[in-house]
Amino acid sequence: MLLKDKVAVVTGAASGIGKEIAFEYSRQGAKIVIADLALDAATAAADDIRKQGGTAMAVAMDVTSEEQVDKGIADAVAAYGGIDILISNAGIQIISPIVDLTLDKWKKMLAIHLDGAFLTTRACMRDMIRTGKGGTIIYMGSVHSHEASPLKAPYVAAKHGLLGLAKTVAKEGAKNNIRANVICPGFVRTPLVDKQIPEQAKEFGISEDDVIKKIMLKDTVDGEFTTTQDVAQTAIFLAAFPSNALTGQSIVVSHGWYMQ
């Protein structure tokens, strides 16, 4: 029970990587706040955690809304007394060449990934400082925090931006025992990635199988997708780490695609 009685807010936790982290954190003893745009799905996930003997609540949260973020964190604090861990995970993907990309889509991507990370960070840091207990902030980056790929300009820009935010939080938060790190997964077979496969096949004029083998997995050491469980175990390690020795860092979880 590495996270016993810790309170963890996980954004975008109604599905995919966020949901896996929420369930694994619960198994490690954490109290879970599932924050998601889809309240019905978030409520169902929280119910499932409680059925397994865990403690969880759902909050409706559009991470680009200052009002919703502040209210969601306030509701979590009212329920559980404070926030120990933030997993800033909510995100989307838009596939488009730069020359065809609209400004609205560019702004939407950056708002969800960067504005959302900032707003949730600010709200949780304020509470971590209030309680005097410190805490851990983990951003869901990507190998695209370090490497670029065609058709993903706003995603790559946003994921690079999370590295800068984490490093700044690490420096500002140290005096209050607040750590910040970034998990950088390779391709994880979630609905977000499944949606990309036919989109990339169309843009590149290749088969979906070639998208997987020749684009997504070609630089891995074993031709394997990263799993949600791989990412969740890394999130447990970072949250349970006992000191500021590990802060301001990015951990690449990618079957060898991009080696630091």
Protein backbone atom coordinates (compact mmCIF):
# COMPACT_ATOMS: atom_id res chain seq x y z
CA MET A 1 0.00 0.00 0.00
CA LEU A 2 2.55 2.54 -1.20
CA LEU A 3 -0.01 5.36 -1.38
CA LYS A 4 -2.11 4.57 1.69
CA ASP A 5 -4.49 7.42 2.54
CA LYS A 6 -3.01 9.75 -0.08
CA VAL A 7 -5.56 11.80 -2.02
CA ALA A 8 -4.97 11.69 -5.77
CA VAL A 9 -6.71 13.81 -8.39
CA VAL A 10 -6.53 12.22 -11.84
CA THR A 11 -7.77 14.25 -14.80
CA GLY A 12 -9.15 12.48 -17.86
CA ALA A 13 -9.59 9.42 -15.65
CA ALA A 14 -12.85 8.06 -17.05
CA SER A 15 -10.94 6.02 -19.65
CA GLY A 16 -7.55 5.01 -20.99
CA ILE A 17 -4.32 5.77 -19.14
CA GLY A 18 -6.01 7.96 -16.54
CA LYS A 19 -8.46 5.25 -15.58
CA GLU A 20 -5.69 2.67 -15.25
CA ILE A 21 -3.71 4.98 -12.97
CA ALA A 22 -6.80 5.70 -10.87
CA PHE A 23 -7.49 2.00 -10.33
CA GLU A 24 -3.86 1.15 -9.57
CA TYR A 25 -3.58 4.06 -7.15
CA SER A 26 -6.70 2.82 -5.40
CA ARG A 27 -5.13 -0.64 -5.05
CA GLN A 28 -2.17 1.09 -3.41
CA GLY A 29 -4.46 2.69 -0.83
CA ALA A 30 -5.05 6.13 -2.32
CA LYS A 31 -8.34 8.00 -2.23
CA ILE A 32 -9.20 8.83 -5.82
CA VAL A 33 -10.78 11.90 -7.39
CA ILE A 34 -11.79 11.07 -10.96
CA ALA A 35 -11.97 14.38 -12.80
CA ASP A 36 -13.36 14.18 -16.31
CA LEU A 37 -15.41 16.07 -18.86
CA ALA A 38 -17.67 13.00 -19.09
CA LEU A 39 -19.30 13.00 -15.65
CA ASP A 40 -21.37 9.85 -16.26
CA ALA A 41 -18.26 7.85 -17.21
CA ALA A 42 -16.31 9.35 -14.30
CA THR A 43 -19.11 8.40 -11.89
CA ALA A 44 -19.17 4.85 -13.26
CA ALA A 45 -15.40 4.54 -12.80
CA ALA A 46 -15.64 5.85 -9.22
CA ASP A 47 -18.44 3.36 -8.53
CA ASP A 48 -16.24 0.53 -9.84
CA ILE A 49 -13.41 1.56 -7.52
CA ARG A 50 -15.78 1.58 -4.55
CA LYS A 51 -17.09 -1.88 -5.51
CA GLN A 52 -13.49 -3.10 -5.26
CA GLY A 53 -13.25 -1.69 -1.73
CA GLY A 54 -11.58 1.58 -2.59
CA THR A 55 -12.49 5.20 -1.91
CA ALA A 56 -13.35 7.39 -4.88
CA MET A 57 -15.44 10.32 -6.02
CA ALA A 58 -16.17 11.84 -9.42
CA VAL A 59 -16.08 15.51 -10.34
CA ALA A 60 -17.10 17.13 -13.62
CA MET A 61 -14.09 19.00 -14.96
CA ASP A 62 -13.35 20.73 -18.21
CA VAL A 63 -9.67 21.37 -17.53
CA THR A 64 -9.73 24.47 -19.75
CA SER A 65 -12.30 26.11 -17.45
CA GLU A 66 -10.82 28.00 -14.51
CA GLU A 67 -14.17 27.87 -12.71
CA GLN A 68 -14.64 24.12 -13.15
CA VAL A 69 -11.06 23.30 -12.16
CA ASP A 70 -11.16 25.42 -9.02
CA LYS A 71 -14.57 24.04 -8.05
CA GLY A 72 -13.55 20.43 -8.69
CA ILE A 73 -10.43 20.75 -6.55
CA ALA A 74 -12.39 22.58 -3.83
CA ASP A 75 -14.96 19.75 -3.80
CA ALA A 76 -12.19 17.18 -3.49
CA VAL A 77 -10.60 19.09 -0.61
CA ALA A 78 -13.97 19.39 1.12
CA ALA A 79 -14.49 15.63 0.79
CA TYR A 80 -11.02 14.35 1.67
CA GLY A 81 -9.26 17.20 3.47
CA GLY A 82 -6.54 17.99 0.95
CA ILE A 83 -4.69 16.95 -2.20
CA ASP A 84 -1.47 14.92 -2.13
CA ILE A 85 -1.09 13.93 -5.78
CA LEU A 86 -2.15 15.45 -9.08
CA ILE A 87 -2.02 13.41 -12.27
CA SER A 88 -2.49 15.93 -15.09
CA ASN A 89 -3.54 13.48 -17.77
CA ALA A 90 -6.46 14.93 -19.76
CA GLY A 91 -5.65 15.26 -23.44
CA ILE A 92 -6.76 14.88 -27.03
CA GLN A 93 -5.09 14.39 -30.40
CA ILE A 94 -5.60 16.19 -33.71
CA ILE A 95 -3.96 14.84 -36.86
CA SER A 96 -3.27 17.45 -39.54
CA PRO A 97 -0.45 18.89 -41.63
CA ILE A 98 0.52 22.37 -40.42
CA VAL A 99 -0.61 23.96 -43.69
CA ASP A 100 -4.14 22.58 -43.21
CA LEU A 101 -4.37 23.14 -39.45
CA THR A 102 -6.85 25.80 -38.32
CA LEU A 103 -6.04 28.24 -35.55
CA ASP A 104 -9.09 27.04 -33.61
CA LYS A 105 -7.76 23.48 -33.55
CA TRP A 106 -4.29 24.69 -32.56
CA LYS A 107 -5.75 26.69 -29.67
CA LYS A 108 -7.99 23.81 -28.58
CA MET A 109 -5.04 21.43 -28.33
CA LEU A 110 -2.87 23.85 -26.37
CA ALA A 111 -5.77 24.81 -24.09
CA ILE A 112 -6.49 21.21 -23.05
CA HIS A 113 -2.88 20.15 -22.61
CA LEU A 114 -1.22 23.32 -21.31
CA ASP A 115 -3.98 25.53 -19.90
CA GLY A 116 -5.42 22.43 -18.23
CA ALA A 117 -2.06 21.50 -16.75
CA PHE A 118 -1.55 25.04 -15.47
CA LEU A 119 -5.01 25.43 -13.95
CA THR A 120 -4.99 22.07 -12.17
CA THR A 121 -1.41 22.62 -11.01
CA ARG A 122 -2.21 26.04 -9.57
CA ALA A 123 -5.28 24.80 -7.71
CA CYS A 124 -3.51 21.75 -6.27
CA MET A 125 -0.31 23.62 -5.38
CA ARG A 126 -2.33 26.16 -3.45
CA ASP A 127 -3.86 23.38 -1.37
CA MET A 128 -0.54 21.55 -0.92
CA ILE A 129 0.98 24.77 0.41
CA ARG A 130 -2.08 25.39 2.63
CA THR A 131 -1.83 22.02 4.34
CA GLY A 132 1.94 22.19 4.67
CA LYS A 133 2.25 18.54 3.61
CA GLY A 134 3.67 19.11 0.15
CA GLY A 135 2.76 16.77 -2.65
CA THR A 136 3.51 15.31 -6.05
CA ILE A 137 2.46 16.58 -9.47
CA ILE A 138 2.81 14.23 -12.43
CA TYR A 139 2.20 15.36 -15.99
CA MET A 140 1.30 12.97 -18.77
CA GLY A 141 3.76 13.86 -21.46
CA SER A 142 4.79 11.66 -24.36
CA VAL A 143 7.82 10.60 -26.33
CA HIS A 144 6.59 13.62 -28.29
CA SER A 145 7.78 15.72 -25.35
CA HIS A 146 11.24 14.99 -26.79
CA GLU A 147 10.70 13.96 -30.41
CA ALA A 148 8.57 15.36 -33.24
CA SER A 149 6.37 13.49 -35.69
CA PRO A 150 4.64 14.79 -38.82
CA LEU A 151 0.96 15.80 -38.58
CA LYS A 152 1.11 16.54 -34.83
CA ALA A 153 2.41 20.09 -34.51
CA PRO A 154 0.13 21.30 -31.66
CA TYR A 155 0.44 18.00 -29.76
CA VAL A 156 4.24 18.02 -29.99
CA ALA A 157 4.38 21.68 -28.99
CA ALA A 158 2.08 21.09 -26.02
CA LYS A 159 3.93 18.01 -24.81
CA HIS A 160 7.24 19.87 -25.03
CA GLY A 161 5.63 22.64 -23.01
CA LEU A 162 4.81 20.26 -20.16
CA LEU A 163 8.53 19.67 -19.62
CA GLY A 164 9.06 23.38 -19.04
CA LEU A 165 6.08 23.60 -16.69
CA ALA A 166 7.27 20.60 -14.65
CA LYS A 167 10.77 22.03 -14.28
CA THR A 168 9.38 25.36 -13.11
CA VAL A 169 7.02 23.69 -10.63
CA ALA A 170 9.95 21.63 -9.32
CA LYS A 171 11.94 24.80 -8.61
CA GLU A 172 9.08 26.84 -7.19
CA GLY A 173 7.58 23.97 -5.22
CA ALA A 174 10.75 22.63 -3.60
CA LYS A 175 10.53 24.90 -0.55
CA ASN A 176 7.05 23.50 0.12
CA ASN A 177 8.08 19.88 -0.56
CA ILE A 178 6.20 19.75 -3.87
CA ARG A 179 7.76 17.59 -6.57
CA ALA A 180 6.92 17.57 -10.29
CA ASN A 181 7.80 15.06 -12.99
CA VAL A 182 6.64 14.05 -16.45
CA ILE A 183 5.82 10.54 -17.67
CA CYS A 184 6.56 10.22 -21.38
CA PRO A 185 4.91 7.09 -22.81
CA GLY A 186 5.35 5.72 -26.28
CA PHE A 187 2.25 4.73 -28.23
CA VAL A 188 -0.33 3.21 -25.89
CA ARG A 189 -3.21 1.30 -27.51
CA THR A 190 -6.00 3.53 -26.20
CA PRO A 191 -9.03 4.89 -28.12
CA LEU A 192 -6.95 8.03 -28.74
CA VAL A 193 -4.30 5.99 -30.56
CA ASP A 194 -6.79 3.72 -32.30
CA LYS A 195 -8.37 6.83 -33.83
CA GLN A 196 -4.99 7.96 -35.17
CA ILE A 197 -4.27 4.78 -37.10
CA PRO A 198 -6.80 5.26 -39.94
CA GLU A 199 -6.18 9.02 -39.91
CA GLN A 200 -2.46 8.55 -40.47
CA ALA A 201 -3.06 5.81 -43.03
CA LYS A 202 -5.15 8.26 -45.04
CA GLU A 203 -2.68 11.14 -44.75
CA PHE A 204 0.36 9.03 -45.68
CA GLY A 205 -1.39 6.82 -48.23
CA ILE A 206 -0.34 3.58 -46.53
CA SER A 207 -2.13 0.68 -44.85
CA GLU A 208 -3.18 0.75 -41.21
CA ASP A 209 -0.84 -2.16 -40.55
CA ASP A 210 2.03 -0.11 -41.96
CA VAL A 211 1.10 2.81 -39.70
CA ILE A 212 1.55 0.51 -36.71
CA LYS A 213 4.71 -1.23 -37.86
CA LYS A 214 6.49 1.50 -39.82
CA ILE A 215 5.49 4.61 -37.89
CA MET A 216 4.23 3.90 -34.39
CA LEU A 217 6.47 1.01 -33.38
CA LYS A 218 9.40 1.17 -35.80
CA ASP A 219 11.81 2.76 -33.30
CA THR A 220 10.98 0.48 -30.36
CA VAL A 221 13.38 -2.31 -29.44
CA ASP A 222 10.73 -5.03 -29.63
CA GLY A 223 7.87 -3.77 -31.81
CA GLU A 224 5.51 -3.60 -28.84
CA PHE A 225 3.01 -0.99 -27.70
CA THR A 226 3.47 0.56 -24.28
CA THR A 227 0.57 -0.52 -22.03
CA THR A 228 -1.61 1.46 -19.66
CA GLN A 229 -0.23 -0.78 -16.91
CA ASP A 230 3.34 0.23 -17.82
CA VAL A 231 2.37 3.85 -17.36
CA ALA A 232 0.40 3.24 -14.15
CA GLN A 233 3.33 1.45 -12.50
CA THR A 234 5.59 4.36 -13.38
CA ALA A 235 3.05 6.76 -11.87
CA ILE A 236 3.06 4.73 -8.64
CA PHE A 237 6.87 4.84 -8.50
CA LEU A 238 6.96 8.62 -8.97
CA ALA A 239 4.20 9.33 -6.44
CA ALA A 240 5.73 7.06 -3.81
CA PHE A 241 9.30 8.32 -4.24
CA PRO A 242 10.33 9.66 -0.83
CA SER A 243 12.33 12.82 -1.56
CA ASN A 244 13.08 15.79 -3.81
CA ALA A 245 15.96 13.82 -5.32
CA LEU A 246 13.57 12.93 -8.16
CA THR A 247 11.94 16.13 -9.36
CA GLY A 248 11.88 18.13 -12.57
CA GLN A 249 12.54 14.98 -14.59
CA SER A 250 10.93 13.14 -17.47
CA ILE A 251 10.65 9.36 -17.44
CA VAL A 252 10.34 7.80 -20.90
CA VAL A 253 8.24 4.60 -20.95
CA SER A 254 8.37 3.50 -24.55
CA HIS A 255 10.02 0.13 -25.22
CA GLY A 256 13.18 1.97 -26.15
CA TRP A 257 11.70 4.54 -28.52
CA TYR A 258 13.75 7.63 -27.67
CA MET A 259 16.52 6.85 -25.19
CA GLN A 260 17.70 9.74 -23.03
